[in-house]
Protein backbone atom coordinates (compact mmCIF):
# COMPACT_ATOMS: atom_id res chain seq x y z
CA MET A 1 -68.22 -54.92 -23.93
CA ILE A 2 -69.48 -51.35 -23.73
CA ARG A 3 -69.73 -51.32 -19.92
CA PRO A 4 -66.05 -52.23 -19.29
CA LEU A 5 -64.95 -49.62 -21.82
CA LEU A 6 -67.15 -47.01 -20.17
CA VAL A 7 -65.74 -47.90 -16.75
CA LEU A 8 -62.18 -47.60 -18.08
CA LEU A 9 -62.90 -44.32 -19.86
CA THR A 10 -64.52 -42.82 -16.77
CA LEU A 11 -61.62 -43.90 -14.57
CA VAL A 12 -59.09 -42.30 -16.92
CA GLN A 13 -61.19 -39.13 -17.10
CA VAL A 14 -61.36 -38.90 -13.31
CA VAL A 15 -57.60 -39.32 -12.95
CA LEU A 16 -56.77 -36.79 -15.66
CA GLY A 17 -59.51 -34.48 -14.43
CA ALA A 18 -57.98 -34.49 -10.95
CA ARG A 19 -54.65 -33.50 -12.49
CA VAL A 20 -56.24 -30.60 -14.35
CA LEU A 21 -58.19 -29.41 -11.30
CA TRP A 22 -55.06 -29.51 -9.14
CA ARG A 23 -53.19 -27.57 -11.82
CA LEU A 24 -55.86 -24.89 -12.00
CA ALA A 25 -56.03 -24.59 -8.21
CA ARG A 26 -52.26 -24.45 -7.85
CA THR A 27 -51.83 -21.72 -10.47
CA ALA A 28 -54.76 -19.54 -9.41
CA ARG A 29 -54.03 -16.02 -8.15
CA GLY A 30 -50.67 -15.74 -9.83
CA ALA A 31 -48.64 -12.56 -10.22
CA ARG A 32 -49.38 -10.04 -12.95
CA ILE A 33 -47.14 -7.59 -14.77
CA ALA A 34 -48.28 -4.22 -13.44
CA ALA A 35 -47.89 -0.95 -15.30
CA VAL A 36 -44.92 0.93 -13.83
CA ALA A 37 -44.41 4.59 -14.68
CA ALA A 38 -41.51 5.54 -12.41
CA PHE A 39 -38.81 2.91 -12.76
CA ARG A 40 -35.13 3.54 -13.38
CA THR A 41 -32.41 0.88 -13.24
CA GLY A 42 -30.09 2.03 -16.00
CA GLU A 43 -30.72 -1.25 -17.82
CA ARG A 44 -31.29 -1.12 -21.55
CA MET A 45 -32.91 -3.40 -24.09
CA THR A 46 -32.91 -4.09 -27.80
CA VAL A 47 -36.30 -4.88 -29.33
CA ILE A 48 -36.31 -7.36 -32.22
CA VAL A 49 -39.33 -7.50 -34.53
CA PRO A 50 -39.17 -10.33 -37.12
CA VAL A 51 -41.35 -9.58 -40.16
CA LEU A 52 -42.45 -11.12 -43.43
CA ASN A 53 -45.05 -9.27 -45.52
CA GLU A 54 -46.43 -7.34 -42.54
CA ARG A 55 -47.03 -3.91 -44.08
CA SER A 56 -50.76 -3.96 -43.24
CA ARG A 57 -50.15 -4.79 -39.56
CA LEU A 58 -46.76 -3.39 -38.61
CA GLY A 59 -47.61 0.31 -38.25
CA PRO A 60 -49.44 0.14 -34.88
CA CYS A 61 -46.66 -2.07 -33.52
CA LEU A 62 -43.98 0.46 -34.42
CA ASP A 63 -46.12 3.31 -33.08
CA GLY A 64 -46.19 1.52 -29.74
CA LEU A 65 -42.47 0.82 -29.75
CA ILE A 66 -41.62 4.43 -30.57
CA ALA A 67 -43.60 5.44 -27.48
CA GLN A 68 -41.35 3.37 -25.19
CA GLY A 69 -38.99 5.16 -22.84
CA GLU A 70 -35.22 5.46 -22.64
CA GLU A 71 -34.82 1.80 -21.62
CA VAL A 72 -35.36 0.88 -25.31
CA VAL A 73 -32.16 1.87 -27.09
CA GLN A 74 -32.66 -0.05 -30.32
CA ILE A 75 -35.58 -1.36 -32.40
CA LEU A 76 -34.46 -3.84 -35.04
CA VAL A 77 -37.05 -4.80 -37.63
CA VAL A 78 -35.69 -7.94 -39.26
CA ASP A 79 -37.17 -8.69 -42.68
CA GLY A 80 -37.18 -12.23 -44.02
CA GLY A 81 -37.80 -11.28 -47.66
CA SER A 82 -41.04 -9.27 -47.80
CA THR A 83 -42.57 -8.43 -51.17
CA ASP A 84 -45.43 -6.22 -49.99
CA GLY A 85 -43.56 -3.00 -49.23
CA THR A 86 -42.79 -3.78 -45.58
CA PRO A 87 -39.17 -2.53 -45.88
CA ASP A 88 -40.38 0.82 -47.24
CA LEU A 89 -42.70 1.22 -44.26
CA VAL A 90 -39.85 0.48 -41.86
CA ARG A 91 -37.63 3.07 -43.57
CA ASP A 92 -40.38 5.66 -43.16
CA TYR A 93 -40.52 4.93 -39.43
CA ALA A 94 -36.72 4.94 -39.18
CA ALA A 95 -36.77 8.52 -40.44
CA ARG A 96 -39.02 9.40 -37.47
CA ASP A 97 -37.07 7.57 -34.75
CA HIS A 98 -33.33 6.92 -34.83
CA ARG A 99 -33.73 3.75 -32.75
CA ILE A 100 -35.45 1.92 -35.62
CA ARG A 101 -33.28 0.05 -38.09
CA LEU A 102 -34.15 -2.35 -40.89
CA VAL A 103 -32.16 -5.59 -40.99
CA ASP A 104 -32.28 -7.78 -44.10
CA ALA A 105 -32.40 -11.47 -43.11
CA SER A 106 -33.14 -12.92 -46.54
CA PRO A 107 -32.79 -15.50 -47.85
CA VAL A 108 -33.80 -17.81 -45.02
CA PRO A 109 -31.75 -21.03 -45.02
CA ALA A 110 -33.77 -24.16 -45.75
CA GLU A 111 -32.94 -25.78 -42.40
CA TRP A 112 -34.14 -22.77 -40.39
CA ASN A 113 -37.51 -21.74 -39.02
CA GLY A 114 -37.85 -18.33 -40.68
CA LYS A 115 -38.78 -16.49 -37.50
CA ALA A 116 -35.91 -18.02 -35.53
CA HIS A 117 -33.53 -17.00 -38.33
CA GLY A 118 -34.78 -13.43 -38.21
CA LEU A 119 -34.44 -13.28 -34.44
CA GLN A 120 -30.87 -14.62 -34.61
CA LYS A 121 -29.94 -12.00 -37.22
CA GLY A 122 -31.40 -9.37 -34.95
CA LEU A 123 -29.45 -10.67 -31.96
CA GLU A 124 -26.23 -10.47 -33.99
CA GLN A 125 -26.97 -6.80 -34.76
CA ALA A 126 -27.99 -5.86 -31.21
CA THR A 127 -25.98 -3.08 -29.62
CA PRO A 128 -23.50 -4.31 -26.96
CA ASP A 129 -24.88 -2.03 -24.26
CA ALA A 130 -28.33 -3.69 -24.33
CA ALA A 131 -28.44 -6.22 -21.48
CA TRP A 132 -31.94 -7.40 -22.41
CA ILE A 133 -33.56 -8.63 -25.61
CA LEU A 134 -37.28 -8.18 -26.17
CA THR A 135 -38.92 -10.01 -29.07
CA ILE A 136 -42.15 -8.52 -30.38
CA ASP A 137 -44.34 -9.80 -33.21
CA ALA A 138 -45.60 -7.42 -35.90
CA ASP A 139 -49.24 -7.84 -34.90
CA VAL A 140 -48.59 -6.82 -31.28
CA ARG A 141 -49.81 -3.47 -29.93
CA PRO A 142 -47.46 -2.34 -27.12
CA ALA A 143 -48.64 0.23 -24.58
CA PRO A 144 -46.14 3.03 -23.80
CA LEU A 145 -45.10 1.55 -20.44
CA LEU A 146 -44.60 -2.01 -21.65
CA ALA A 147 -40.79 -2.19 -21.79
CA ARG A 148 -40.32 -0.41 -18.46
CA SER A 149 -42.91 -2.61 -16.76
CA LEU A 150 -41.37 -5.81 -18.12
CA LEU A 151 -37.97 -4.84 -16.72
CA ALA A 152 -39.48 -3.95 -13.36
CA HIS A 153 -41.29 -7.27 -13.16
CA ALA A 154 -38.22 -9.25 -14.17
CA GLY A 155 -36.28 -7.56 -11.39
CA ALA A 156 -38.99 -8.05 -8.78
CA GLU A 157 -39.48 -11.74 -9.61
CA GLN A 158 -35.76 -12.38 -10.19
CA VAL A 159 -36.32 -14.11 -13.53
CA PRO A 160 -33.97 -13.82 -16.52
CA ALA A 161 -36.70 -14.70 -19.01
CA LEU A 162 -40.40 -13.95 -19.10
CA SER A 163 -43.20 -13.51 -21.58
CA ALA A 164 -46.61 -11.89 -21.52
CA ALA A 165 -50.02 -13.42 -22.11
CA THR A 166 -51.15 -10.80 -24.60
CA LEU A 167 -54.68 -9.40 -24.53
CA GLN A 168 -56.46 -10.90 -27.53
CA GLU A 169 -58.40 -8.90 -30.11
CA LEU A 170 -60.74 -11.10 -32.13
CA SER A 171 -61.69 -10.45 -35.73
CA GLY A 172 -65.38 -11.29 -35.30
CA ALA A 173 -67.98 -13.85 -34.32
CA ALA A 174 -66.42 -16.78 -36.18
CA GLU A 175 -63.03 -16.37 -34.55
CA GLY A 176 -64.86 -15.83 -31.27
CA LEU A 177 -65.92 -19.46 -31.56
CA VAL A 178 -62.56 -20.95 -32.58
CA HIS A 179 -59.94 -18.95 -30.70
CA PRO A 180 -61.24 -19.51 -27.13
CA ALA A 181 -61.50 -23.26 -27.70
CA MET A 182 -57.86 -23.27 -28.75
CA LEU A 183 -56.75 -21.02 -25.90
CA ALA A 184 -58.48 -23.30 -23.39
CA THR A 185 -56.15 -26.13 -24.42
CA LEU A 186 -53.26 -24.13 -22.96
CA VAL A 187 -55.08 -23.52 -19.69
CA TYR A 188 -55.92 -27.21 -19.32
CA ARG A 189 -52.34 -28.32 -20.04
CA PHE A 190 -50.36 -25.63 -18.21
CA GLY A 191 -52.66 -23.81 -15.85
CA ILE A 192 -53.23 -20.10 -15.36
CA PRO A 193 -50.41 -17.64 -16.16
CA GLY A 194 -48.75 -15.95 -13.22
CA ARG A 195 -45.53 -17.62 -12.10
CA ALA A 196 -42.03 -18.74 -13.04
CA THR A 197 -40.77 -22.31 -13.16
CA THR A 198 -37.84 -24.49 -14.17
CA ARG A 199 -40.00 -27.61 -14.69
CA LEU A 200 -40.17 -28.43 -18.40
CA SER A 201 -43.72 -29.78 -18.16
CA GLU A 202 -44.92 -26.45 -16.75
CA VAL A 203 -42.95 -23.95 -18.86
CA GLN A 204 -45.08 -21.56 -20.90
CA ALA A 205 -43.90 -18.90 -23.30
CA ASN A 206 -45.24 -16.43 -25.83
CA GLY A 207 -42.84 -15.19 -28.47
CA GLN A 208 -45.18 -12.31 -29.27
CA CYS A 209 -43.74 -10.55 -26.21
CA PHE A 210 -40.70 -12.34 -24.80
CA LEU A 211 -38.07 -10.64 -22.63
CA VAL A 212 -34.79 -12.42 -21.97
CA TRP A 213 -31.54 -11.44 -20.36
CA ARG A 214 -29.02 -11.34 -23.16
CA ASP A 215 -26.29 -13.16 -21.25
CA VAL A 216 -28.61 -16.12 -20.61
CA LEU A 217 -29.80 -16.10 -24.22
CA GLU A 218 -26.25 -16.27 -25.52
CA ARG A 219 -25.29 -19.00 -23.05
CA CYS A 220 -28.01 -21.24 -24.43
CA GLY A 221 -26.86 -20.67 -28.02
CA GLY A 222 -29.14 -17.79 -28.99
CA PHE A 223 -31.97 -18.35 -31.43
CA GLN A 224 -29.78 -20.70 -33.42
CA SER A 225 -30.52 -23.29 -30.74
CA VAL A 226 -34.20 -23.33 -31.81
CA ARG A 227 -33.73 -23.08 -35.57
CA ASP A 228 -35.46 -26.43 -36.23
CA SER A 229 -38.48 -25.91 -33.95
CA VAL A 230 -42.05 -25.22 -35.06
CA CYS A 231 -42.63 -23.53 -31.68
CA GLU A 232 -39.38 -21.63 -31.26
CA ASP A 233 -40.59 -19.52 -28.34
CA VAL A 234 -41.56 -22.52 -26.21
CA THR A 235 -38.43 -24.45 -27.18
CA LEU A 236 -36.24 -21.49 -26.19
CA ALA A 237 -38.03 -21.15 -22.85
CA ARG A 238 -37.62 -24.86 -22.19
CA ARG A 239 -33.96 -24.72 -23.10
CA ILE A 240 -33.42 -21.86 -20.66
CA ALA A 241 -35.23 -23.87 -17.99
CA THR A 242 -32.96 -26.88 -18.56
CA MET A 243 -30.04 -24.62 -17.65
CA GLY A 244 -31.63 -24.02 -14.25
CA TYR A 245 -33.05 -20.55 -14.90
CA PRO A 246 -36.71 -19.92 -14.04
CA VAL A 247 -38.91 -18.82 -16.92
CA GLY A 248 -42.00 -16.72 -16.20
CA PHE A 249 -45.31 -16.32 -17.99
CA TYR A 250 -47.68 -13.57 -16.81
CA GLU A 251 -50.79 -11.66 -17.67
CA THR A 252 -50.45 -7.88 -17.80
CA ASP A 253 -52.52 -4.88 -16.79
CA GLY A 254 -53.46 -4.01 -20.37
CA LEU A 255 -49.85 -3.39 -21.40
CA VAL A 256 -49.87 -5.40 -24.61
CA SER A 257 -52.54 -6.64 -26.99
CA VAL A 258 -52.52 -8.55 -30.25
CA ALA A 259 -54.74 -9.15 -33.26
CA MET A 260 -53.27 -12.53 -34.17
CA TYR A 261 -55.41 -13.65 -37.06
CA ALA A 262 -57.45 -12.25 -39.93
CA GLY A 263 -60.31 -14.67 -39.27
CA TRP A 264 -61.29 -18.05 -37.90
CA GLY A 265 -59.73 -19.95 -40.81
CA ASP A 266 -56.41 -18.21 -40.30
CA ALA A 267 -56.48 -19.14 -36.61
CA TRP A 268 -57.50 -22.72 -37.35
CA ARG A 269 -54.72 -23.29 -39.88
CA ASN A 270 -51.87 -21.41 -38.31
CA TRP A 271 -52.23 -21.53 -34.52
CA SER A 272 -52.66 -25.28 -34.56
CA ARG A 273 -49.20 -25.51 -36.12
CA SER A 274 -47.44 -24.50 -32.89
CA LEU A 275 -50.16 -25.10 -30.30
CA PRO A 276 -49.28 -28.77 -29.60
CA MET A 277 -45.79 -27.48 -28.62
CA ARG A 278 -44.09 -30.61 -29.90
CA ASP A 279 -40.33 -30.18 -29.86
CA ARG A 280 -37.20 -31.93 -28.58
CA TYR A 281 -38.39 -31.45 -24.99
CA TRP A 282 -41.92 -32.77 -25.56
CA GLY A 283 -41.39 -36.00 -23.64
CA ALA A 284 -44.22 -37.85 -21.91
CA ALA A 285 -45.87 -34.61 -20.80
CA GLY A 286 -46.80 -33.75 -24.40
CA PRO A 287 -49.05 -36.75 -25.15
CA LEU A 288 -50.43 -36.62 -21.61
CA GLY A 289 -51.43 -33.00 -22.13
CA LEU A 290 -53.20 -33.83 -25.38
CA ALA A 291 -55.03 -36.63 -23.56
CA GLU A 292 -56.18 -34.11 -20.97
CA VAL A 293 -57.46 -31.84 -23.73
CA ALA A 294 -59.35 -34.67 -25.40
CA LEU A 295 -60.78 -36.48 -22.36
CA VAL A 296 -61.17 -33.68 -19.80
CA GLN A 297 -61.83 -30.59 -21.91
CA ALA A 298 -63.44 -31.83 -25.12
CA LEU A 299 -65.27 -35.10 -24.46
CA PRO A 300 -67.39 -34.41 -21.34
CA LEU A 301 -69.99 -32.18 -23.04
CA VAL A 302 -70.51 -34.82 -25.71
CA LEU A 303 -70.76 -37.66 -23.21
CA VAL A 304 -73.23 -35.78 -21.02
CA LEU A 305 -75.61 -35.74 -23.99
CA LEU A 306 -74.96 -39.37 -24.93
CA LEU A 307 -75.18 -40.77 -21.41
CA ARG A 308 -78.56 -39.29 -20.54
CA ARG A 309 -80.23 -42.48 -21.78
CA VAL A 310 -78.06 -44.92 -19.84
CA ARG A 311 -78.37 -43.45 -16.37
CA HIS A 312 -80.53 -46.34 -15.20
CA ASP A 313 -77.58 -48.37 -13.84
CA ARG A 314 -74.67 -47.55 -11.57
CA VAL A 315 -72.04 -47.43 -14.33
CA GLY A 316 -74.12 -45.06 -16.42
CA ARG A 317 -74.93 -42.83 -13.45
CA THR A 318 -71.27 -42.66 -12.42
CA ALA A 319 -70.07 -41.86 -15.93
CA PHE A 320 -72.76 -39.23 -16.37
CA ALA A 321 -71.96 -37.59 -13.01
CA ALA A 322 -68.23 -37.53 -13.72
CA ASN A 323 -68.69 -35.96 -17.15
CA ALA A 324 -71.27 -33.49 -15.86
CA ALA A 325 -68.75 -32.33 -13.25
CA LEU A 326 -66.04 -31.95 -15.88
CA ALA A 327 -68.46 -30.02 -18.09
CA VAL A 328 -69.08 -27.60 -15.22
CA VAL A 329 -65.32 -27.16 -14.86
CA ARG A 330 -65.14 -26.37 -18.57
CA LEU A 331 -67.79 -23.67 -18.25
CA GLY A 332 -65.99 -22.24 -15.23
CA THR A 333 -62.76 -22.14 -17.21
CA LEU A 334 -64.54 -20.34 -20.01
CA THR A 335 -65.74 -17.70 -17.57
CA GLY A 336 -62.27 -17.21 -16.12
CA MET A 337 -60.70 -16.93 -19.57
CA GLY A 338 -62.89 -13.97 -20.42
CA ARG A 339 -60.27 -11.51 -19.18
CA ALA A 340 -57.91 -12.69 -21.94
CA TYR A 341 -60.06 -10.87 -24.54
CA ARG A 342 -60.61 -7.17 -25.06
CA HIS A 343 -64.09 -7.81 -26.46
CA ARG A 344 -66.00 -11.09 -26.43
CA PRO A 345 -68.54 -11.72 -29.21
CA TRP A 346 -71.64 -13.70 -28.29
CA THR A 347 -70.12 -16.77 -29.93
CA TYR A 348 -67.45 -16.84 -27.23
CA TRP A 349 -69.89 -18.58 -24.88
CA PHE A 350 -70.49 -21.37 -27.39
CA SER A 351 -66.81 -22.12 -28.04
CA PRO A 352 -66.81 -25.34 -25.93
CA LEU A 353 -68.99 -26.87 -28.64
CA ILE A 354 -65.98 -27.14 -30.95
CA ASP A 355 -63.55 -28.48 -28.34
CA LEU A 356 -63.64 -31.92 -29.94
CA PRO A 357 -62.62 -30.74 -33.44
CA VAL A 358 -59.91 -28.60 -31.84
CA ALA A 359 -58.55 -31.61 -29.93
CA ALA A 360 -58.47 -33.63 -33.15
CA GLN A 361 -56.68 -30.78 -34.97
CA LEU A 362 -54.03 -30.55 -32.25
CA LEU A 363 -53.40 -34.28 -32.41
CA ALA A 364 -53.08 -34.18 -36.20
CA SER A 365 -50.69 -31.23 -35.99
CA ALA A 366 -48.58 -32.96 -33.34
CA LEU A 367 -48.18 -35.97 -35.61
CA ARG A 368 -47.31 -33.89 -38.67
CA ARG A 369 -43.64 -33.01 -39.24
CA GLU A 370 -44.00 -30.65 -42.19
CA HIS A 371 -45.92 -27.40 -41.81
CA VAL A 372 -46.31 -24.27 -43.90
CA TRP A 373 -46.13 -20.66 -42.72
CA ARG A 374 -46.57 -17.74 -45.14
CA GLY A 375 -45.89 -20.10 -48.02
CA ARG A 376 -42.64 -21.39 -46.54
CA PRO A 377 -42.18 -24.97 -45.34
CA ILE A 378 -41.26 -25.56 -41.69
CA VAL A 379 -40.05 -29.04 -40.84
CA ARG A 380 -39.93 -30.14 -37.22
CA GLY A 381 -36.40 -31.38 -36.58
CA GLY A 382 -34.96 -29.42 -39.50
CA THR A 383 -34.73 -32.20 -42.09
CA ARG A 384 -37.26 -33.71 -44.44
């Protein structure tokens, strides 16, 4: 009984592994968002920063936004009901830069994802002469040339929507173990950032730094169209793609970084909420991607250890060889992912050891409809 199961498992691994390898090869050497100092098009953007109890993290973000050039005409900080003094901090910054304005988005309706509600309120307050909308999270650290460089790249690539793969800043050794294992699940399912696509199964997006042409955003219903999503950024990108517009996802030349989580536990609980990317467009590609994570990313290292004792027959040798090859691919992926981090703790190199728990967490999150963010319930689909 074990031999037929091992044959079947190995066959499925080989097929899925070939898909992943082709994806990695096809997306290698993609375009990057380069820093552009001298760029003038006359185009303007509104920056929307949704916040909820972000006083301890928001300052560096606003410092970076204040440093942006004339292309940024408005910075709307949309508060969803903070109780930690965030609005007072925003008012202090507004006194320093006239472009900053506090928008009160509380209370958040029960059927809305709180972040999507804040973004929609910001869109409604955006100045009419801003042709572009840039969404930025409170924990993001924008470099002074970010906005200008995003506009230049959007023009060069002819894309109406793009987002940046932010440079990650880890909190310490423990997160250095968890975060890379989670990030690798994106690489296995979608490939390496660096191109634009209209194919739903290939669309990537990062709401931490998401630039979209306002006309396209309004045509697809604004952020109201993603009010019931637990991964509003990805759902918005997929919706734009269904309208025939290419959506890009790119690494940058150090233009934007982010300290996403306070520690490994924060990352484990909160990133896994959106990481499966289960929404109305999930389709067959969603479960297939999770299968690739489980059988191609997570399982090979375990099977290499288990199969060492059964290499005496052809089935055992074949299964061992296949999983050893996939384990090598995993280590190569880990090496390539290194550029996604500003600093890599020594634990980074051991992150594949927790791939299996990460795969299990993603599956559990994909099956769960009700999630919690900052004490507020988020229900996939919008109803309980």
